[in-house]
Amino acid sequence: MKITLLATSIAVAVSAMVLPGISDADNEVHQFSKFKPLRESANSANWNPAAPWKLPEGYTQTVVSNESALNIYGGNRNDWHDMNTVNETGKHAGRYLYRTHELRFPRNLPGGGAVSVVDLATGHSSIITQKPSYDALDGIRWTPWGTILFAEEKTGGRLFEMQLDPNDLTRATAVLARPAVGLLAHEGVDIDNNGNIYIVDEFRGHSETSSIKGNTCAGTVPCGGGIYRFVPTNYSDLSDGSLYVLKVTGTDGTGQAEWVGPIDSINARASGTSHGGTSYQRPEDVEIIGNTLYVAVTEGPRNDDGTELYEGRVLSINLDTLKVANFIKPGVNVAVEIGKPGEEGHHSGFDSVDNLAETPDGQLMVIEDNLPSDIWVASTHVDDTGASRSVRLFASLTDPKAEGSGIYFSPLDPNTLYVNVQHSKNNDGDGTWAITKPRKHIKYD
């Protein structure tokens, strides 16, 4: 079966799940944490483009929208579907799925970077905004005040706020740059109940020069790779406010923290470093659950010969006490990955965490920027050190060239996980998938 034949029928099926709503009784039974964990990651020898995800028993996968429904760049070039959000509030809440496309060096392709939208009621996909200057669009988030934030994942990248036509949520009325929030290599973005914005700088934190100038810094102090909080002067107005960076006192980037600043939002990386901001190795995503900010840090620190000490981690930051802990760390509460599936001595484990999402029952879902790209679910119940008490393998991608990205649950549809397949081995093979859980509770031994 060709994957391109699935798009329209499956998009309609997804809309049937989204729009009518799910009963409270269903939500109690069908928590996304109720699954039998996979024993190992996917083997690319088993790649099936029509069903690329290895899933637990009873779960299904369907295409929401792929390049047969919307082909932005053509010429057998993949569209680099990256992150997802829906219109979480307001009119027709949950109906429209918005996606960034992480096109690099946009001048090389017509139109430049893009944000697309899928009408989940009809399956129709379209571009909502595109400009030649958009470069490496990545993070995207619906705001409580009814706009969409999206940002560029490059040094000095911009964060934008998109305003929508209230009568047509597939049309943007304005796209405004918000430099006060910080010019950084953006990926993750989240918003707390007070309207404060949390962002990260996806930078390895290496020392590169002998002084701090503009967006480069170093000497004896690692540069960038920080975690930031933007406090708007007035709620929902991102044109003015103060930007702060997290400074942690302790070992391994954990311990007691404080927000220091305000810092210079235009030269945020250098300014954050000069204020003592703690440097991590490629923080890529953030997710707030309750009073805790979780941060995906893709790489581990390196020793003197450049060897990575461990393969990335997830931090937890208590936003009340500002205590920072290693919430997931390979070799501590999740296995270290050894080799690749099919190789002698392979052992599946945690490697290069990328994106985060809150599950419908308040746990943390994690996806890797790795081959194979695994999806994990971590309990938010922790031990005395702040480490999750349970980290389980939920899914794994068989596509031998692709990574999964943009894991996302719509608050209007707790039975569906949206996830993108990015830079597939197949030309024009990128797309957005819906993974759904069983409608009946499964009891396991």
Protein backbone atom coordinates (compact mmCIF):
# COMPACT_ATOMS: atom_id res chain seq x y z
CA MET A 1 0.00 0.00 0.00
CA LYS A 2 1.39 3.40 -0.90
CA ILE A 3 1.48 5.90 1.94
CA THR A 4 0.14 8.67 -0.30
CA LEU A 5 -3.24 6.94 -0.58
CA LEU A 6 -3.85 7.21 3.15
CA ALA A 7 -3.77 10.95 3.74
CA THR A 8 -7.34 12.06 3.11
CA SER A 9 -9.16 9.11 4.65
CA ILE A 10 -6.97 9.11 7.74
CA ALA A 11 -7.22 12.85 8.28
CA VAL A 12 -11.00 12.46 8.35
CA ALA A 13 -10.64 9.57 10.80
CA VAL A 14 -8.47 11.73 13.04
CA SER A 15 -11.05 14.52 12.93
CA ALA A 16 -13.68 12.07 14.06
CA MET A 17 -11.61 11.47 17.18
CA VAL A 18 -10.90 15.16 17.80
CA LEU A 19 -14.10 17.03 17.22
CA PRO A 20 -16.85 15.05 18.98
CA GLY A 21 -14.83 14.84 22.21
CA ILE A 22 -13.95 11.99 24.52
CA SER A 23 -15.98 11.01 27.60
CA ASP A 24 -14.52 11.26 31.11
CA ALA A 25 -14.95 7.51 31.51
CA ASP A 26 -12.83 6.90 28.41
CA ASN A 27 -10.15 9.24 29.72
CA GLU A 28 -9.90 7.33 33.01
CA VAL A 29 -9.50 3.98 31.26
CA HIS A 30 -7.32 5.02 28.34
CA GLN A 31 -4.43 6.83 29.97
CA PHE A 32 -1.46 6.85 27.61
CA SER A 33 0.71 5.37 30.33
CA LYS A 34 -1.19 2.06 30.22
CA PHE A 35 1.01 0.19 27.77
CA LYS A 36 3.33 -2.79 27.72
CA PRO A 37 6.81 -1.34 27.13
CA LEU A 38 8.82 -2.40 24.10
CA ARG A 39 11.73 -4.69 24.89
CA GLU A 40 14.03 -3.06 22.35
CA SER A 41 14.28 -0.31 19.75
CA ALA A 42 13.20 -0.75 16.13
CA ASN A 43 15.43 -2.47 13.61
CA SER A 44 15.62 -0.52 10.33
CA ALA A 45 15.57 -3.85 8.47
CA ASN A 46 11.86 -3.92 9.38
CA TRP A 47 11.11 -0.49 7.91
CA ASN A 48 7.62 -0.18 6.45
CA PRO A 49 6.97 3.33 5.05
CA ALA A 50 3.21 2.79 5.46
CA ALA A 51 3.68 1.94 9.16
CA PRO A 52 7.10 3.25 10.24
CA TRP A 53 6.55 3.14 14.01
CA LYS A 54 7.17 0.10 16.18
CA LEU A 55 4.41 0.32 18.79
CA PRO A 56 3.10 -1.54 21.84
CA GLU A 57 0.34 -4.10 21.42
CA GLY A 58 -3.01 -2.60 20.44
CA TYR A 59 -1.80 0.84 19.31
CA THR A 60 -2.38 2.05 15.76
CA GLN A 61 -0.65 4.56 13.47
CA THR A 62 -2.21 6.60 10.68
CA VAL A 63 -1.13 9.51 8.49
CA VAL A 64 -2.61 12.89 9.37
CA SER A 65 -0.92 14.81 6.54
CA ASN A 66 2.13 14.02 4.43
CA GLU A 67 3.75 15.36 1.27
CA SER A 68 1.03 13.89 -0.92
CA ALA A 69 -1.38 16.28 0.82
CA LEU A 70 0.99 19.28 0.90
CA ASN A 71 4.37 19.32 -0.82
CA ILE A 72 6.02 22.62 0.08
CA TYR A 73 9.42 22.23 -1.60
CA GLY A 74 8.92 19.62 -4.33
CA GLY A 75 11.70 18.14 -6.41
CA ASN A 76 11.87 15.06 -4.16
CA ARG A 77 13.00 17.27 -1.28
CA ASN A 78 11.60 16.42 2.14
CA ASP A 79 9.60 19.11 3.93
CA TRP A 80 11.24 18.66 7.36
CA HIS A 81 8.07 18.58 9.46
CA ASP A 82 9.24 19.57 12.92
CA MET A 83 6.92 20.62 15.79
CA ASN A 84 3.15 20.59 16.35
CA THR A 85 0.40 22.42 18.20
CA VAL A 86 -3.37 22.88 17.83
CA ASN A 87 -5.67 25.79 18.59
CA GLU A 88 -6.07 24.77 22.22
CA THR A 89 -8.64 27.41 23.17
CA GLY A 90 -11.33 29.55 21.57
CA LYS A 91 -13.57 28.91 18.60
CA HIS A 92 -13.29 25.41 17.08
CA ALA A 93 -10.71 24.46 19.72
CA GLY A 94 -8.72 21.39 18.69
CA ARG A 95 -9.69 21.47 15.03
CA TYR A 96 -6.52 22.92 13.46
CA LEU A 97 -3.04 21.39 13.67
CA TYR A 98 -0.15 23.83 13.09
CA ARG A 99 3.36 22.63 12.13
CA THR A 100 6.76 24.22 11.63
CA HIS A 101 9.07 23.08 8.81
CA GLU A 102 12.76 23.16 9.68
CA LEU A 103 14.10 24.23 6.30
CA ARG A 104 17.74 25.32 6.49
CA PHE A 105 19.31 28.00 4.27
CA PRO A 106 15.92 29.05 2.83
CA ARG A 107 17.38 31.15 0.02
CA ASN A 108 18.22 27.86 -1.73
CA LEU A 109 14.54 26.89 -2.10
CA PRO A 110 11.45 28.76 -3.32
CA GLY A 111 9.45 30.60 -0.72
CA GLY A 112 11.67 29.99 2.30
CA GLY A 113 10.69 28.51 5.65
CA ALA A 114 7.05 27.79 6.36
CA VAL A 115 4.37 27.09 8.94
CA SER A 116 1.55 24.84 7.74
CA VAL A 117 -1.91 24.03 9.07
CA VAL A 118 -4.09 20.93 8.77
CA ASP A 119 -7.86 21.16 9.14
CA LEU A 120 -8.49 17.97 11.09
CA ALA A 121 -12.18 18.05 10.14
CA THR A 122 -11.51 17.87 6.40
CA GLY A 123 -7.91 16.72 6.08
CA HIS A 124 -7.04 19.83 4.03
CA SER A 125 -3.43 21.01 4.48
CA SER A 126 -2.11 24.44 3.54
CA ILE A 127 0.66 26.96 4.24
CA ILE A 128 -0.37 29.61 6.75
CA THR A 129 2.82 31.69 6.57
CA GLN A 130 6.03 31.49 4.54
CA LYS A 131 8.89 33.92 3.94
CA PRO A 132 12.33 33.68 2.30
CA SER A 133 13.89 34.97 5.53
CA TYR A 134 12.44 32.19 7.74
CA ASP A 135 15.37 29.92 8.57
CA ALA A 136 15.19 26.62 10.51
CA LEU A 137 11.71 27.10 11.96
CA ASP A 138 11.38 24.80 14.93
CA GLY A 139 9.47 25.34 18.17
CA ILE A 140 5.75 26.18 18.08
CA ARG A 141 3.25 26.77 20.90
CA TRP A 142 -0.35 27.95 21.25
CA THR A 143 -0.65 30.81 23.75
CA PRO A 144 -3.41 31.18 26.38
CA TRP A 145 -4.38 34.46 24.67
CA GLY A 146 -5.04 32.78 21.33
CA THR A 147 -1.92 33.39 19.24
CA ILE A 148 0.84 31.08 18.02
CA LEU A 149 4.52 31.39 18.90
CA PHE A 150 7.11 29.90 16.55
CA ALA A 151 10.86 30.38 16.38
CA GLU A 152 14.10 29.83 14.48
CA GLU A 153 16.66 27.26 15.57
CA LYS A 154 19.86 29.11 14.65
CA THR A 155 22.27 31.42 16.42
CA GLY A 156 20.51 34.75 16.93
CA GLY A 157 17.23 33.21 15.78
CA ARG A 158 13.98 35.08 16.13
CA LEU A 159 10.79 34.25 17.98
CA PHE A 160 7.58 35.22 16.19
CA GLU A 161 3.99 35.69 17.32
CA MET A 162 1.31 34.88 14.74
CA GLN A 163 -2.13 36.41 15.06
CA LEU A 164 -5.03 34.58 13.42
CA ASP A 165 -8.23 35.62 11.70
CA PRO A 166 -10.91 34.71 14.29
CA ASN A 167 -13.26 33.77 11.45
CA ASP A 168 -10.68 31.67 9.59
CA LEU A 169 -8.02 30.04 11.74
CA THR A 170 -6.12 28.88 8.66
CA ARG A 171 -5.28 32.52 7.86
CA ALA A 172 -2.72 34.72 9.63
CA THR A 173 -3.56 38.40 10.01
CA ALA A 174 -0.09 39.34 11.29
CA VAL A 175 3.27 37.75 12.10
CA LEU A 176 5.30 39.87 14.51
CA ALA A 177 8.92 39.38 15.56
CA ARG A 178 9.29 39.49 19.35
CA PRO A 179 12.99 40.33 19.93
CA ALA A 180 12.37 41.23 23.58
CA VAL A 181 11.86 37.50 24.26
CA GLY A 182 15.45 36.88 23.14
CA LEU A 183 17.44 36.22 19.96
CA LEU A 184 18.72 32.66 20.43
CA ALA A 185 18.93 29.26 18.77
CA HIS A 186 15.32 28.53 19.70
CA GLU A 187 13.59 25.19 19.82
CA GLY A 188 11.45 24.62 22.89
CA VAL A 189 9.03 27.24 24.20
CA ASP A 190 6.40 27.04 26.93
CA ILE A 191 4.25 29.44 28.93
CA ASP A 192 3.30 29.37 32.61
CA ASN A 193 0.02 30.47 34.19
CA ASN A 194 1.32 34.01 34.68
CA GLY A 195 2.22 34.43 31.01
CA ASN A 196 5.98 34.07 31.50
CA ILE A 197 7.79 32.49 28.53
CA TYR A 198 10.43 29.76 28.99
CA ILE A 199 12.95 29.20 26.20
CA VAL A 200 16.34 27.55 25.65
CA ASP A 201 19.43 28.18 23.54
CA GLU A 202 20.37 25.12 21.48
CA PHE A 203 24.11 25.54 21.67
CA ARG A 204 26.82 23.13 22.82
CA GLY A 205 28.29 25.57 25.28
CA HIS A 206 31.85 25.19 24.01
CA SER A 207 34.53 27.77 24.63
CA GLU A 208 35.45 29.30 21.28
CA THR A 209 37.06 32.73 21.74
CA SER A 210 38.97 34.63 24.38
CA SER A 211 36.36 37.30 24.98
CA ILE A 212 32.64 37.96 25.05
CA LYS A 213 31.45 39.87 21.99
CA GLY A 214 28.05 39.82 20.33
CA ASN A 215 26.80 36.25 20.00
CA THR A 216 30.17 34.58 20.65
CA CYS A 217 31.78 34.13 24.02
CA ALA A 218 34.11 31.85 25.90
CA GLY A 219 37.54 32.05 27.45
CA THR A 220 37.45 30.00 30.64
CA VAL A 221 33.64 30.17 30.82
CA PRO A 222 31.45 27.90 28.67
CA CYS A 223 29.20 29.96 26.43
CA GLY A 224 25.46 29.77 25.86
CA GLY A 225 23.38 26.63 26.01
CA GLY A 226 21.28 28.37 28.64
CA ILE A 227 17.73 28.20 29.99
CA TYR A 228 15.80 31.48 30.00
CA ARG A 229 12.61 33.07 31.33
CA PHE A 230 10.94 36.10 29.77
CA VAL A 231 8.67 38.13 32.06
CA PRO A 232 6.39 40.45 30.06
CA THR A 233 5.68 43.87 31.49
CA ASN A 234 2.00 43.25 30.80
CA TYR A 235 0.34 39.86 30.47
CA SER A 236 0.12 38.67 26.81
CA ASP A 237 2.17 41.61 25.49
CA LEU A 238 5.46 40.16 24.28
CA SER A 239 6.74 43.44 22.86
CA ASP A 240 8.18 44.50 26.21
CA GLY A 241 9.54 42.75 29.27
CA SER A 242 12.64 41.39 30.97
CA LEU A 243 14.72 38.34 30.04
CA TYR A 244 16.51 36.26 32.70
CA VAL A 245 18.90 33.31 32.53
CA LEU A 246 19.11 30.37 34.93
CA LYS A 247 22.21 30.23 37.12
CA VAL A 248 22.77 26.96 39.00
CA THR A 249 25.06 26.45 41.97
CA GLY A 250 26.05 22.80 42.14
CA THR A 251 27.68 20.01 40.18
CA ASP A 252 26.67 18.73 36.74
CA GLY A 253 24.34 21.70 36.23
CA THR A 254 22.11 20.60 39.10
CA GLY A 255 21.46 22.02 42.55
CA GLN A 256 20.04 25.34 43.70
CA ALA A 257 19.23 27.85 40.96
CA GLU A 258 18.24 31.47 40.56
CA TRP A 259 17.06 33.63 37.68
CA VAL A 260 19.69 36.31 37.06
CA GLY A 261 19.36 39.45 34.98
CA PRO A 262 17.66 41.18 33.28
CA ILE A 263 19.98 40.39 30.40
CA ASP A 264 20.31 41.88 26.92
CA SER A 265 17.71 40.11 24.76
CA ILE A 266 19.43 41.04 21.49
CA ASN A 267 22.76 39.49 22.52
CA ALA A 268 21.10 36.96 24.81
CA ARG A 269 23.72 34.21 24.56
CA ALA A 270 26.67 36.43 25.43
CA SER A 271 24.74 38.49 27.96
CA GLY A 272 23.40 35.41 29.71
CA THR A 273 26.92 34.00 29.94
CA SER A 274 28.33 37.25 31.35
CA HIS A 275 25.61 37.20 34.03
CA GLY A 276 26.71 33.73 35.12
CA GLY A 277 24.06 31.69 33.34
CA THR A 278 24.69 27.95 33.48
CA SER A 279 25.75 26.39 30.18
CA TYR A 280 24.34 23.06 29.02
CA GLN A 281 25.04 20.97 25.91
CA ARG A 282 22.27 21.68 23.40
CA PRO A 283 19.09 22.17 25.43
CA GLU A 284 16.35 21.62 22.84
CA ASP A 285 12.90 21.55 24.40
CA VAL A 286 10.94 22.55 27.49
CA GLU A 287 7.68 21.33 28.98
CA ILE A 288 5.85 22.56 32.07
CA ILE A 289 3.90 19.98 34.08
CA GLY A 290 2.40 21.32 37.28
CA ASN A 291 5.06 23.43 38.99
CA THR A 292 7.97 21.73 37.22
CA LEU A 293 9.84 22.82 34.11
CA TYR A 294 11.42 19.89 32.25
CA VAL A 295 14.32 20.58 29.88
CA ALA A 296 15.67 18.18 27.23
CA VAL A 297 19.46 18.45 26.97
CA THR A 298 20.52 16.54 23.87
CA GLU A 299 24.19 15.97 24.68
CA GLY A 300 26.22 15.27 27.79
CA PRO A 301 29.34 17.14 28.91
CA ARG A 302 32.68 16.07 27.45
CA ASN A 303 36.00 15.23 29.01
CA ASP A 304 39.35 16.70 27.93
CA ASP A 305 39.66 14.47 24.84
CA GLY A 306 36.16 15.42 23.65
CA THR A 307 34.47 12.16 24.62
CA GLU A 308 30.84 12.62 25.64
CA LEU A 309 30.41 11.46 29.24
CA TYR A 310 26.79 10.42 28.76
CA GLU A 311 24.22 10.63 25.96
CA GLY A 312 22.06 13.57 27.02
CA ARG A 313 19.49 13.91 29.80
CA VAL A 314 16.28 15.56 30.97
CA LEU A 315 16.48 18.14 33.75
CA SER A 316 13.68 19.04 36.13
CA ILE A 317 13.40 22.54 37.60
CA ASN A 318 10.96 23.15 40.44
CA LEU A 319 9.60 26.58 39.57
CA ASP A 320 8.72 27.27 43.22
CA THR A 321 12.00 26.29 44.89
CA LEU A 322 14.28 26.47 41.80
CA LYS A 323 15.88 23.14 42.66
CA VAL A 324 17.40 21.52 39.56
CA ALA A 325 17.78 17.74 39.28
CA ASN A 326 18.61 15.07 36.73
CA PHE A 327 15.13 13.73 35.99
CA ILE A 328 16.30 11.20 33.36
CA LYS A 329 19.94 10.29 32.94
CA PRO A 330 21.35 7.23 31.14
CA GLY A 331 23.04 4.85 33.48
CA VAL A 332 21.02 6.20 36.43
CA ASN A 333 17.33 5.48 35.79
CA VAL A 334 17.38 4.42 32.14
CA ALA A 335 19.70 2.10 30.24
CA VAL A 336 22.68 3.33 28.22
CA GLU A 337 22.27 2.54 24.52
CA ILE A 338 24.93 0.24 23.06
CA GLY A 339 25.23 -0.16 19.28
CA LYS A 340 22.27 -0.37 16.92
CA PRO A 341 19.44 -2.91 16.63
CA GLY A 342 20.61 -5.94 14.68
CA GLU A 343 24.24 -5.46 15.68
CA GLU A 344 26.00 -7.90 17.95
CA GLY A 345 25.94 -6.72 21.54
CA HIS A 346 23.17 -4.17 20.97
CA HIS A 347 21.30 -2.93 24.03
CA SER A 348 18.48 -0.43 23.66
CA GLY A 349 18.74 2.66 25.81
CA PHE A 350 18.51 6.43 26.07
CA ASP A 351 20.41 8.57 23.54
CA SER A 352 20.14 12.21 22.39
CA VAL A 353 16.82 13.32 23.85
CA ASP A 354 15.13 15.97 21.72
CA ASN A 355 11.45 16.88 22.24
CA LEU A 356 9.12 16.66 25.24
CA ALA A 357 5.35 16.44 25.74
CA GLU A 358 2.95 16.08 28.64
CA THR A 359 0.84 12.92 28.42
CA PRO A 360 -2.90 13.23 29.12
CA ASP A 361 -2.38 11.83 32.63
CA GLY A 362 0.49 14.18 33.48
CA GLN A 363 3.59 12.12 32.75
CA LEU A 364 6.50 13.21 30.56
CA MET A 365 6.93 11.82 27.05
CA VAL A 366 10.36 12.09 25.45
CA ILE A 367 11.54 11.52 21.88
CA GLU A 368 15.13 11.12 20.71
CA ASP A 369 17.12 12.83 17.97
CA ASN A 370 18.83 9.56 17.16
CA LEU A 371 18.84 6.51 14.88
CA PRO A 372 16.66 4.72 15.79
CA SER A 373 14.48 7.50 17.19
CA ASP A 374 12.83 6.17 20.36
CA ILE A 375 9.88 7.52 22.34
CA TRP A 376 9.94 7.08 26.13
CA VAL A 377 7.40 7.79 28.89
CA ALA A 378 8.67 8.85 32.33
CA SER A 379 6.70 8.96 35.53
CA THR A 380 6.75 12.33 37.28
CA HIS A 381 7.02 10.48 40.60
CA VAL A 382 10.65 10.82 41.65
CA ASP A 383 13.14 9.34 44.11
CA ASP A 384 15.15 11.25 46.71
CA THR A 385 17.54 12.58 44.04
CA GLY A 386 14.75 13.90 41.78
CA ALA A 387 15.08 11.06 39.23
CA SER A 388 11.95 9.57 37.67
CA ARG A 389 11.00 6.26 39.25
CA SER A 390 9.93 4.74 35.94
CA VAL A 391 11.18 5.35 32.37
CA ARG A 392 9.66 3.01 29.76
CA LEU A 393 10.14 2.56 26.02
CA PHE A 394 6.88 3.34 24.22
CA ALA A 395 7.72 3.46 20.49
CA SER A 396 10.60 3.42 18.00
CA LEU A 397 11.02 4.59 14.41
CA THR A 398 12.10 2.07 11.77
CA ASP A 399 12.94 4.57 9.00
CA PRO A 400 16.74 4.21 8.63
CA LYS A 401 17.41 7.90 7.92
CA ALA A 402 14.63 9.74 9.77
CA GLU A 403 14.07 11.04 13.25
CA GLY A 404 10.76 11.53 15.01
CA SER A 405 9.96 15.03 16.22
CA GLY A 406 7.21 17.25 17.55
CA ILE A 407 5.48 14.82 19.93
CA TYR A 408 2.28 16.52 21.03
CA PHE A 409 -1.07 15.75 22.70
CA SER A 410 -3.98 18.06 22.01
CA PRO A 411 -5.81 18.84 25.27
CA LEU A 412 -9.00 18.31 23.28
CA ASP A 413 -8.06 14.73 22.30
CA PRO A 414 -6.20 12.71 24.94
CA ASN A 415 -6.42 9.55 22.83
CA THR A 416 -4.08 10.77 20.07
CA LEU A 417 -0.35 11.38 19.99
CA TYR A 418 0.80 13.54 17.08
CA VAL A 419 4.37 12.96 15.94
CA ASN A 420 6.32 13.95 12.83
CA VAL A 421 8.70 11.94 10.68
CA GLN A 422 11.50 14.26 9.58
CA HIS A 423 14.03 13.83 6.72
CA SER A 424 12.82 10.36 5.80
CA LYS A 425 14.92 8.05 3.64
CA ASN A 426 12.07 8.30 1.11
CA ASN A 427 12.06 11.40 -1.07
CA ASP A 428 8.96 13.44 -0.20
CA GLY A 429 8.60 11.03 2.73
CA ASP A 430 8.09 13.44 5.63
CA GLY A 431 4.74 13.81 7.35
CA THR A 432 2.65 13.91 10.50
CA TRP A 433 1.34 10.73 12.10
CA ALA A 434 -1.35 10.02 14.67
CA ILE A 435 -0.67 7.24 17.15
CA THR A 436 -3.81 6.18 19.00
CA LYS A 437 -4.26 4.04 22.06
CA PRO A 438 -6.59 1.08 22.47
CA ARG A 439 -10.23 1.74 23.25
CA LYS A 440 -10.33 -1.18 25.66
CA HIS A 441 -8.18 -1.53 28.72
CA ILE A 442 -5.56 -4.25 28.24
CA LYS A 443 -4.38 -6.19 31.29
CA TYR A 444 -0.85 -7.51 31.15
CA ASP A 445 0.85 -10.15 33.25
